[in-house]
């Protein structure tokens, strides 16, 4: 899944719907979210990604983040979420593994 633009209070409902449909029962057990096109992510976005991660884990899978830009990576580092999510630098590499 590829995400573009900003993930904030105004755009998070769409991301939430998309994650829910992809992670619906019978969906993939491993989801890679390509963040290379995300310029900004606020706490609501982080919470939706965490909820998706939890949903994937409950189904026996995982939600991974790929290619976060420096501003988004900094948020993951500061909050300690870089240790929660699998974070890769290359979306193609993450999908291929």
PDB file of N, CA and C in Angstrom:
ATOM      1  N   UNK A   1       0.844  -1.154   0.000  1.00  0.00           N
ATOM      2  CA  UNK A   1       0.000   0.000   0.000  1.00  0.00           C
ATOM      3  C   UNK A   1       0.898   1.227   0.000  1.00  0.00           C
ATOM      4  N   UNK A   2       0.563   2.199  -0.836  1.00  0.00           N
ATOM      5  CA  UNK A   2       1.346   3.429  -0.919  1.00  0.00           C
ATOM      6  C   UNK A   2       0.517   4.599  -0.417  1.00  0.00           C
ATOM      7  N   UNK A   3       1.118   5.422   0.422  1.00  0.00           N
ATOM      8  CA  UNK A   3       0.438   6.577   0.998  1.00  0.00           C
ATOM      9  C   UNK A   3       1.168   7.833   0.528  1.00  0.00           C
ATOM     10  N   UNK A   4       0.394   8.866   0.166  1.00  0.00           N
ATOM     11  CA  UNK A   4       0.957  10.104  -0.360  1.00  0.00           C
ATOM     12  C   UNK A   4       0.451  11.311   0.428  1.00  0.00           C
ATOM     13  N   UNK A   5       1.239  12.371   0.462  1.00  0.00           N
ATOM     14  CA  UNK A   5       0.799  13.637   1.057  1.00  0.00           C
ATOM     15  C   UNK A   5       0.986  13.702   2.553  1.00  0.00           C
ATOM     16  N   UNK A   6      -0.042  14.204   3.214  1.00  0.00           N
ATOM     17  CA  UNK A   6      -0.001  14.361   4.663  1.00  0.00           C
ATOM     18  C   UNK A   6      -0.956  13.385   5.331  1.00  0.00           C
ATOM     19  N   UNK A   7      -0.528  12.861   6.456  1.00  0.00           N
ATOM     20  CA  UNK A   7      -1.403  12.023   7.274  1.00  0.00           C
ATOM     21  C   UNK A   7      -1.702  12.839   8.528  1.00  0.00           C
ATOM     22  N   UNK A   8      -2.909  13.376   8.572  1.00  0.00           N
ATOM     23  CA  UNK A   8      -3.290  14.232   9.691  1.00  0.00           C
ATOM     24  C   UNK A   8      -4.770  14.053  10.002  1.00  0.00           C
ATOM     25  N   UNK A   9      -5.270  14.874  10.880  1.00  0.00           N
ATOM     26  CA  UNK A   9      -6.656  14.787  11.335  1.00  0.00           C
ATOM     27  C   UNK A   9      -7.642  14.755  10.181  1.00  0.00           C
ATOM     28  N   UNK A  10      -7.343  15.463   9.109  1.00  0.00           N
ATOM     29  CA  UNK A  10      -8.268  15.568   7.989  1.00  0.00           C
ATOM     30  C   UNK A  10      -8.192  14.397   7.022  1.00  0.00           C
ATOM     31  N   UNK A  11      -7.036  13.789   6.891  1.00  0.00           N
ATOM     32  CA  UNK A  11      -6.862  12.707   5.921  1.00  0.00           C
ATOM     33  C   UNK A  11      -6.887  11.317   6.549  1.00  0.00           C
ATOM     34  N   UNK A  12      -6.777  11.250   7.854  1.00  0.00           N
ATOM     35  CA  UNK A  12      -6.681   9.959   8.532  1.00  0.00           C
ATOM     36  C   UNK A  12      -7.934   9.086   8.359  1.00  0.00           C
ATOM     37  N   UNK A  13      -9.143   9.626   8.239  1.00  0.00           N
ATOM     38  CA  UNK A  13     -10.290   8.732   8.039  1.00  0.00           C
ATOM     39  C   UNK A  13     -10.158   7.877   6.768  1.00  0.00           C
ATOM     40  N   UNK A  14      -9.636   8.467   5.698  1.00  0.00           N
ATOM     41  CA  UNK A  14      -9.456   7.694   4.465  1.00  0.00           C
ATOM     42  C   UNK A  14      -8.414   6.593   4.664  1.00  0.00           C
ATOM     43  N   UNK A  15      -7.288   6.931   5.305  1.00  0.00           N
ATOM     44  CA  UNK A  15      -6.260   5.927   5.574  1.00  0.00           C
ATOM     45  C   UNK A  15      -6.825   4.811   6.440  1.00  0.00           C
ATOM     46  N   UNK A  16      -7.609   5.182   7.410  1.00  0.00           N
ATOM     47  CA  UNK A  16      -8.221   4.196   8.309  1.00  0.00           C
ATOM     48  C   UNK A  16      -9.118   3.235   7.532  1.00  0.00           C
ATOM     49  N   UNK A  17      -9.939   3.768   6.619  1.00  0.00           N
ATOM     50  CA  UNK A  17     -10.809   2.926   5.791  1.00  0.00           C
ATOM     51  C   UNK A  17      -9.992   1.992   4.897  1.00  0.00           C
ATOM     52  N   UNK A  18      -8.946   2.537   4.281  1.00  0.00           N
ATOM     53  CA  UNK A  18      -8.113   1.734   3.387  1.00  0.00           C
ATOM     54  C   UNK A  18      -7.409   0.608   4.143  1.00  0.00           C
ATOM     55  N   UNK A  19      -6.851   0.927   5.295  1.00  0.00           N
ATOM     56  CA  UNK A  19      -6.191  -0.104   6.100  1.00  0.00           C
ATOM     57  C   UNK A  19      -7.190  -1.174   6.538  1.00  0.00           C
ATOM     58  N   UNK A  20      -8.371  -0.746   6.958  1.00  0.00           N
ATOM     59  CA  UNK A  20      -9.387  -1.697   7.408  1.00  0.00           C
ATOM     60  C   UNK A  20      -9.794  -2.636   6.273  1.00  0.00           C
ATOM     61  N   UNK A  21      -9.921  -2.113   5.056  1.00  0.00           N
ATOM     62  CA  UNK A  21     -10.331  -2.977   3.944  1.00  0.00           C
ATOM     63  C   UNK A  21      -9.218  -3.943   3.558  1.00  0.00           C
ATOM     64  N   UNK A  22      -7.972  -3.485   3.602  1.00  0.00           N
ATOM     65  CA  UNK A  22      -6.857  -4.365   3.257  1.00  0.00           C
ATOM     66  C   UNK A  22      -6.629  -5.411   4.348  1.00  0.00           C
ATOM     67  N   UNK A  23      -6.819  -5.021   5.587  1.00  0.00           N
ATOM     68  CA  UNK A  23      -6.575  -5.933   6.707  1.00  0.00           C
ATOM     69  C   UNK A  23      -7.822  -6.702   7.139  1.00  0.00           C
ATOM     70  N   UNK A  24      -8.896  -6.605   6.354  1.00  0.00           N
ATOM     71  CA  UNK A  24     -10.129  -7.320   6.677  1.00  0.00           C
ATOM     72  C   UNK A  24      -9.848  -8.817   6.739  1.00  0.00           C
ATOM     73  N   UNK A  25     -10.661  -9.533   7.486  1.00  0.00           N
ATOM     74  CA  UNK A  25     -10.458 -10.983   7.569  1.00  0.00           C
ATOM     75  C   UNK A  25     -10.340 -11.590   6.169  1.00  0.00           C
ATOM     76  N   UNK A  26      -9.356 -12.451   6.025  1.00  0.00           N
ATOM     77  CA  UNK A  26      -9.101 -13.071   4.728  1.00  0.00           C
ATOM     78  C   UNK A  26      -8.152 -12.258   3.865  1.00  0.00           C
ATOM     79  N   UNK A  27      -7.773 -11.068   4.339  1.00  0.00           N
ATOM     80  CA  UNK A  27      -6.840 -10.217   3.607  1.00  0.00           C
ATOM     81  C   UNK A  27      -5.413 -10.674   3.838  1.00  0.00           C
ATOM     82  N   UNK A  28      -4.457  -9.904   3.339  1.00  0.00           N
ATOM     83  CA  UNK A  28      -3.058 -10.305   3.498  1.00  0.00           C
ATOM     84  C   UNK A  28      -2.633 -10.271   4.965  1.00  0.00           C
ATOM     85  N   UNK A  29      -1.744 -11.179   5.310  1.00  0.00           N
ATOM     86  CA  UNK A  29      -1.257 -11.208   6.692  1.00  0.00           C
ATOM     87  C   UNK A  29      -0.055 -10.301   6.866  1.00  0.00           C
ATOM     88  N   UNK A  30       0.535  -9.863   5.758  1.00  0.00           N
ATOM     89  CA  UNK A  30       1.682  -8.957   5.827  1.00  0.00           C
ATOM     90  C   UNK A  30       1.414  -7.781   4.905  1.00  0.00           C
ATOM     91  N   UNK A  31       1.424  -6.599   5.468  1.00  0.00           N
ATOM     92  CA  UNK A  31       1.166  -5.385   4.693  1.00  0.00           C
ATOM     93  C   UNK A  31       2.358  -4.452   4.816  1.00  0.00           C
ATOM     94  N   UNK A  32       2.881  -4.004   3.675  1.00  0.00           N
ATOM     95  CA  UNK A  32       3.963  -3.021   3.658  1.00  0.00           C
ATOM     96  C   UNK A  32       3.335  -1.692   3.247  1.00  0.00           C
ATOM     97  N   UNK A  33       3.480  -0.680   4.102  1.00  0.00           N
ATOM     98  CA  UNK A  33       2.948   0.654   3.815  1.00  0.00           C
ATOM     99  C   UNK A  33       4.115   1.528   3.363  1.00  0.00           C
ATOM    100  N   UNK A  34       4.087   1.907   2.088  1.00  0.00           N
ATOM    101  CA  UNK A  34       5.125   2.751   1.499  1.00  0.00           C
ATOM    102  C   UNK A  34       4.859   4.198   1.892  1.00  0.00           C
ATOM    103  N   UNK A  35       5.727   4.749   2.720  1.00  0.00           N
ATOM    104  CA  UNK A  35       5.572   6.129   3.204  1.00  0.00           C
ATOM    105  C   UNK A  35       6.475   7.116   2.465  1.00  0.00           C
ATOM    106  N   UNK A  36       7.077   6.696   1.362  1.00  0.00           N
ATOM    107  CA  UNK A  36       8.025   7.571   0.658  1.00  0.00           C
ATOM    108  C   UNK A  36       7.376   8.849   0.140  1.00  0.00           C
ATOM    109  N   UNK A  37       6.063   8.843  -0.040  1.00  0.00           N
ATOM    110  CA  UNK A  37       5.369  10.032  -0.516  1.00  0.00           C
ATOM    111  C   UNK A  37       4.706  10.842   0.583  1.00  0.00           C
ATOM    112  N   UNK A  38       4.976  10.505   1.835  1.00  0.00           N
ATOM    113  CA  UNK A  38       4.340  11.201   2.968  1.00  0.00           C
ATOM    114  C   UNK A  38       5.267  12.314   3.457  1.00  0.00           C
ATOM    115  N   UNK A  39       4.740  13.540   3.416  1.00  0.00           N
ATOM    116  CA  UNK A  39       5.495  14.713   3.855  1.00  0.00           C
ATOM    117  C   UNK A  39       5.373  14.978   5.348  1.00  0.00           C
ATOM    118  N   UNK A  40       4.242  14.552   5.940  1.00  0.00           N
ATOM    119  CA  UNK A  40       3.932  14.915   7.319  1.00  0.00           C
ATOM    120  C   UNK A  40       3.009  13.851   7.907  1.00  0.00           C
ATOM    121  N   UNK A  41       3.213  13.538   9.168  1.00  0.00           N
ATOM    122  CA  UNK A  41       2.334  12.604   9.874  1.00  0.00           C
ATOM    123  C   UNK A  41       2.181  13.098  11.306  1.00  0.00           C
ATOM    124  N   UNK A  42       0.939  13.348  11.716  1.00  0.00           N
ATOM    125  CA  UNK A  42       0.728  13.802  13.091  1.00  0.00           C
ATOM    126  C   UNK A  42       0.312  12.622  13.971  1.00  0.00           C
ATOM    127  N   UNK A  43      -0.056  12.911  15.202  1.00  0.00           N
ATOM    128  CA  UNK A  43      -0.357  11.841  16.164  1.00  0.00           C
ATOM    129  C   UNK A  43      -1.573  11.015  15.748  1.00  0.00           C
ATOM    130  N   UNK A  44      -2.540  11.620  15.056  1.00  0.00           N
ATOM    131  CA  UNK A  44      -3.689  10.829  14.606  1.00  0.00           C
ATOM    132  C   UNK A  44      -3.253   9.805  13.566  1.00  0.00           C
ATOM    133  N   UNK A  45      -2.327  10.187  12.713  1.00  0.00           N
ATOM    134  CA  UNK A  45      -1.801   9.261  11.719  1.00  0.00           C
ATOM    135  C   UNK A  45      -1.031   8.132  12.372  1.00  0.00           C
ATOM    136  N   UNK A  46      -0.215   8.471  13.337  1.00  0.00           N
ATOM    137  CA  UNK A  46       0.551   7.457  14.062  1.00  0.00           C
ATOM    138  C   UNK A  46      -0.402   6.477  14.738  1.00  0.00           C
ATOM    139  N   UNK A  47      -1.469   6.989  15.327  1.00  0.00           N
ATOM    140  CA  UNK A  47      -2.437   6.117  16.001  1.00  0.00           C
ATOM    141  C   UNK A  47      -3.122   5.164  15.031  1.00  0.00           C
ATOM    142  N   UNK A  48      -3.430   5.639  13.826  1.00  0.00           N
ATOM    143  CA  UNK A  48      -4.066   4.765  12.827  1.00  0.00           C
ATOM    144  C   UNK A  48      -3.087   3.685  12.362  1.00  0.00           C
ATOM    145  N   UNK A  49      -1.836   4.059  12.171  1.00  0.00           N
ATOM    146  CA  UNK A  49      -0.833   3.066  11.790  1.00  0.00           C
ATOM    147  C   UNK A  49      -0.656   2.028  12.901  1.00  0.00           C
ATOM    148  N   UNK A  50      -0.659   2.490  14.143  1.00  0.00           N
ATOM    149  CA  UNK A  50      -0.556   1.556  15.276  1.00  0.00           C
ATOM    150  C   UNK A  50      -1.753   0.618  15.346  1.00  0.00           C
ATOM    151  N   UNK A  51      -2.950   1.152  15.102  1.00  0.00           N
ATOM    152  CA  UNK A  51      -4.153   0.316  15.114  1.00  0.00           C
ATOM    153  C   UNK A  51      -4.079  -0.726  14.000  1.00  0.00           C
ATOM    154  N   UNK A  52      -3.592  -0.329  12.833  1.00  0.00           N
ATOM    155  CA  UNK A  52      -3.429  -1.274  11.731  1.00  0.00           C
ATOM    156  C   UNK A  52      -2.408  -2.347  12.075  1.00  0.00           C
ATOM    157  N   UNK A  53      -1.324  -1.927  12.712  1.00  0.00           N
ATOM    158  CA  UNK A  53      -0.289  -2.875  13.151  1.00  0.00           C
ATOM    159  C   UNK A  53      -0.882  -3.887  14.128  1.00  0.00           C
ATOM    160  N   UNK A  54      -1.650  -3.394  15.070  1.00  0.00           N
ATOM    161  CA  UNK A  54      -2.277  -4.272  16.060  1.00  0.00           C
ATOM    162  C   UNK A  54      -3.249  -5.250  15.374  1.00  0.00           C
ATOM    163  N   UNK A  55      -4.045  -4.738  14.421  1.00  0.00           N
ATOM    164  CA  UNK A  55      -5.002  -5.583  13.710  1.00  0.00           C
ATOM    165  C   UNK A  55      -4.274  -6.671  12.912  1.00  0.00           C
ATOM    166  N   UNK A  56      -3.188  -6.301  12.254  1.00  0.00           N
ATOM    167  CA  UNK A  56      -2.415  -7.280  11.486  1.00  0.00           C
ATOM    168  C   UNK A  56      -1.821  -8.332  12.414  1.00  0.00           C
ATOM    169  N   UNK A  57      -1.285  -7.892  13.544  1.00  0.00           N
ATOM    170  CA  UNK A  57      -0.679  -8.825  14.502  1.00  0.00           C
ATOM    171  C   UNK A  57      -1.715  -9.789  15.069  1.00  0.00           C
ATOM    172  N   UNK A  58      -2.913  -9.275  15.357  1.00  0.00           N
ATOM    173  CA  UNK A  58      -3.971 -10.131  15.892  1.00  0.00           C
ATOM    174  C   UNK A  58      -4.375 -11.209  14.890  1.00  0.00           C
ATOM    175  N   UNK A  59      -4.188 -10.905  13.594  1.00  0.00           N
ATOM    176  CA  UNK A  59      -4.510 -11.871  12.546  1.00  0.00           C
ATOM    177  C   UNK A  59      -3.314 -12.769  12.226  1.00  0.00           C
ATOM    178  N   UNK A  60      -2.232 -12.620  13.000  1.00  0.00           N
ATOM    179  CA  UNK A  60      -1.053 -13.440  12.794  1.00  0.00           C
ATOM    180  C   UNK A  60      -0.093 -12.888  11.760  1.00  0.00           C
ATOM    181  N   UNK A  61      -0.264 -11.621  11.406  1.00  0.00           N
ATOM    182  CA  UNK A  61       0.593 -11.015  10.391  1.00  0.00           C
ATOM    183  C   UNK A  61       1.376  -9.834  10.912  1.00  0.00           C
ATOM    184  N   UNK A  62       1.659  -8.900  10.023  1.00  0.00           N
ATOM    185  CA  UNK A  62       2.448  -7.732  10.387  1.00  0.00           C
ATOM    186  C   UNK A  62       2.124  -6.570   9.455  1.00  0.00           C
ATOM    187  N   UNK A  63       2.322  -5.375   9.935  1.00  0.00           N
ATOM    188  CA  UNK A  63       2.228  -4.160   9.137  1.00  0.00           C
ATOM    189  C   UNK A  63       3.596  -3.501   9.236  1.00  0.00           C
ATOM    190  N   UNK A  64       4.243  -3.350   8.092  1.00  0.00           N
ATOM    191  CA  UNK A  64       5.583  -2.782   8.051  1.00  0.00           C
ATOM    192  C   UNK A  64       5.551  -1.424   7.370  1.00  0.00           C
ATOM    193  N   UNK A  65       6.483  -0.574   7.726  1.00  0.00           N
ATOM    194  CA  UNK A  65       6.591   0.751   7.130  1.00  0.00           C
ATOM    195  C   UNK A  65       7.836   0.805   6.266  1.00  0.00           C
ATOM    196  N   UNK A  66       7.691   1.379   5.073  1.00  0.00           N
ATOM    197  CA  UNK A  66       8.820   1.431   4.148  1.00  0.00           C
ATOM    198  C   UNK A  66       9.095   2.868   3.715  1.00  0.00           C
ATOM    199  N   UNK A  67      10.363   3.193   3.662  1.00  0.00           N
ATOM    200  CA  UNK A  67      10.877   4.447   3.110  1.00  0.00           C
ATOM    201  C   UNK A  67      10.283   5.723   3.706  1.00  0.00           C
ATOM    202  N   UNK A  68      10.179   5.796   5.035  1.00  0.00           N
ATOM    203  CA  UNK A  68       9.678   7.065   5.590  1.00  0.00           C
ATOM    204  C   UNK A  68      10.680   8.188   5.343  1.00  0.00           C
ATOM    205  N   UNK A  69      10.169   9.346   4.990  1.00  0.00           N
ATOM    206  CA  UNK A  69      11.023  10.515   4.805  1.00  0.00           C
ATOM    207  C   UNK A  69      11.586  10.926   6.165  1.00  0.00           C
ATOM    208  N   UNK A  70      12.625  11.753   6.172  1.00  0.00           N
ATOM    209  CA  UNK A  70      13.283  12.106   7.440  1.00  0.00           C
ATOM    210  C   UNK A  70      12.333  12.642   8.523  1.00  0.00           C
ATOM    211  N   UNK A  71      11.366  13.474   8.160  1.00  0.00           N
ATOM    212  CA  UNK A  71      10.452  14.027   9.173  1.00  0.00           C
ATOM    213  C   UNK A  71       9.605  12.934   9.813  1.00  0.00           C
ATOM    214  N   UNK A  72       9.140  11.994   9.007  1.00  0.00           N
ATOM    215  CA  UNK A  72       8.316  10.894   9.530  1.00  0.00           C
ATOM    216  C   UNK A  72       9.189   9.923  10.321  1.00  0.00           C
ATOM    217  N   UNK A  73      10.376   9.638   9.830  1.00  0.00           N
ATOM    218  CA  UNK A  73      11.289   8.752  10.555  1.00  0.00           C
ATOM    219  C   UNK A  73      11.619   9.336  11.927  1.00  0.00           C
ATOM    220  N   UNK A  74      11.801  10.647  12.001  1.00  0.00           N
ATOM    221  CA  UNK A  74      12.105  11.318  13.269  1.00  0.00           C
ATOM    222  C   UNK A  74      10.967  11.094  14.271  1.00  0.00           C
ATOM    223  N   UNK A  75       9.723  11.195  13.807  1.00  0.00           N
ATOM    224  CA  UNK A  75       8.569  10.938  14.677  1.00  0.00           C
ATOM    225  C   UNK A  75       8.621   9.509  15.208  1.00  0.00           C
ATOM    226  N   UNK A  76       8.940   8.564  14.342  1.00  0.00           N
ATOM    227  CA  UNK A  76       9.027   7.167  14.765  1.00  0.00           C
ATOM    228  C   UNK A  76      10.145   6.967  15.783  1.00  0.00           C
ATOM    229  N   UNK A  77      11.263   7.656  15.581  1.00  0.00           N
ATOM    230  CA  UNK A  77      12.388   7.540  16.515  1.00  0.00           C
ATOM    231  C   UNK A  77      12.067   8.167  17.862  1.00  0.00           C
ATOM    232  N   UNK A  78      11.534   9.381  17.840  1.00  0.00           N
ATOM    233  CA  UNK A  78      11.259  10.118  19.076  1.00  0.00           C
ATOM    234  C   UNK A  78      10.220   9.403  19.933  1.00  0.00           C
ATOM    235  N   UNK A  79       9.231   8.797  19.285  1.00  0.00           N
ATOM    236  CA  UNK A  79       8.163   8.116  20.019  1.00  0.00           C
ATOM    237  C   UNK A  79       8.517   6.679  20.392  1.00  0.00           C
ATOM    238  N   UNK A  80       9.647   6.191  19.889  1.00  0.00           N
ATOM    239  CA  UNK A  80      10.035   4.822  20.168  1.00  0.00           C
ATOM    240  C   UNK A  80       9.338   3.796  19.284  1.00  0.00           C
ATOM    241  N   UNK A  81       8.593   4.265  18.297  1.00  0.00           N
ATOM    242  CA  UNK A  81       7.831   3.354  17.445  1.00  0.00           C
ATOM    243  C   UNK A  81       8.684   2.669  16.389  1.00  0.00           C
ATOM    244  N   UNK A  82       9.896   3.137  16.224  1.00  0.00           N
ATOM    245  CA  UNK A  82      10.794   2.463  15.295  1.00  0.00           C
ATOM    246  C   UNK A  82      11.112   1.053  15.808  1.00  0.00           C
ATOM    247  N   UNK A  83      10.952   0.857  17.111  1.00  0.00           N
ATOM    248  CA  UNK A  83      11.154  -0.468  17.694  1.00  0.00           C
ATOM    249  C   UNK A  83       9.889  -1.326  17.618  1.00  0.00           C
ATOM    250  N   UNK A  84       8.737  -0.702  17.400  1.00  0.00           N
ATOM    251  CA  UNK A  84       7.471  -1.427  17.308  1.00  0.00           C
ATOM    252  C   UNK A  84       7.246  -1.916  15.878  1.00  0.00           C
ATOM    253  N   UNK A  85       7.413  -1.009  14.913  1.00  0.00           N
ATOM    254  CA  UNK A  85       7.233  -1.337  13.507  1.00  0.00           C
ATOM    255  C   UNK A  85       8.529  -1.875  12.915  1.00  0.00           C
ATOM    256  N   UNK A  86       8.401  -2.724  11.920  1.00  0.00           N
ATOM    257  CA  UNK A  86       9.538  -3.039  11.070  1.00  0.00           C
ATOM    258  C   UNK A  86       9.611  -1.898  10.074  1.00  0.00           C
ATOM    259  N   UNK A  87      10.747  -1.193  10.026  1.00  0.00           N
ATOM    260  CA  UNK A  87      10.915  -0.036   9.147  1.00  0.00           C
ATOM    261  C   UNK A  87      12.067  -0.334   8.198  1.00  0.00           C
ATOM    262  N   UNK A  88      11.783  -0.271   6.903  1.00  0.00           N
ATOM    263  CA  UNK A  88      12.812  -0.503   5.891  1.00  0.00           C
ATOM    264  C   UNK A  88      12.989   0.765   5.054  1.00  0.00           C
ATOM    265  N   UNK A  89      14.136   0.887   4.429  1.00  0.00           N
ATOM    266  CA  UNK A  89      14.421   2.060   3.617  1.00  0.00           C
ATOM    267  C   UNK A  89      13.898   1.942   2.194  1.00  0.00           C
ATOM    268  N   UNK A  90      13.686   0.734   1.715  1.00  0.00           N
ATOM    269  CA  UNK A  90      13.319   0.520   0.325  1.00  0.00           C
ATOM    270  C   UNK A  90      12.019  -0.270   0.229  1.00  0.00           C
ATOM    271  N   UNK A  91      10.946   0.345  -0.317  1.00  0.00           N
ATOM    272  CA  UNK A  91       9.665  -0.371  -0.427  1.00  0.00           C
ATOM    273  C   UNK A  91       9.763  -1.656  -1.249  1.00  0.00           C
ATOM    274  N   UNK A  92      10.505  -1.615  -2.360  1.00  0.00           N
ATOM    275  CA  UNK A  92      10.621  -2.798  -3.204  1.00  0.00           C
ATOM    276  C   UNK A  92      11.319  -3.942  -2.465  1.00  0.00           C
ATOM    277  N   UNK A  93      12.315  -3.597  -1.679  1.00  0.00           N
ATOM    278  CA  UNK A  93      13.036  -4.596  -0.895  1.00  0.00           C
ATOM    279  C   UNK A  93      12.110  -5.209   0.160  1.00  0.00           C
ATOM    280  N   UNK A  94      11.283  -4.375   0.792  1.00  0.00           N
ATOM    281  CA  UNK A  94      10.366  -4.858   1.818  1.00  0.00           C
ATOM    282  C   UNK A  94       9.330  -5.811   1.222  1.00  0.00           C
ATOM    283  N   UNK A  95       8.828  -5.481   0.048  1.00  0.00           N
ATOM    284  CA  UNK A  95       7.819  -6.317  -0.594  1.00  0.00           C
ATOM    285  C   UNK A  95       8.440  -7.625  -1.064  1.00  0.00           C
ATOM    286  N   UNK A  96       9.691  -7.544  -1.519  1.00  0.00           N
ATOM    287  CA  UNK A  96      10.363  -8.730  -2.032  1.00  0.00           C
ATOM    288  C   UNK A  96      10.804  -9.717  -0.983  1.00  0.00           C
ATOM    289  N   UNK A  97      10.921  -9.267   0.252  1.00  0.00           N
ATOM    290  CA  UNK A  97      11.422 -10.158   1.313  1.00  0.00           C
ATOM    291  C   UNK A  97      10.321 -10.985   1.927  1.00  0.00           C
TER     292      UNK A  97
END
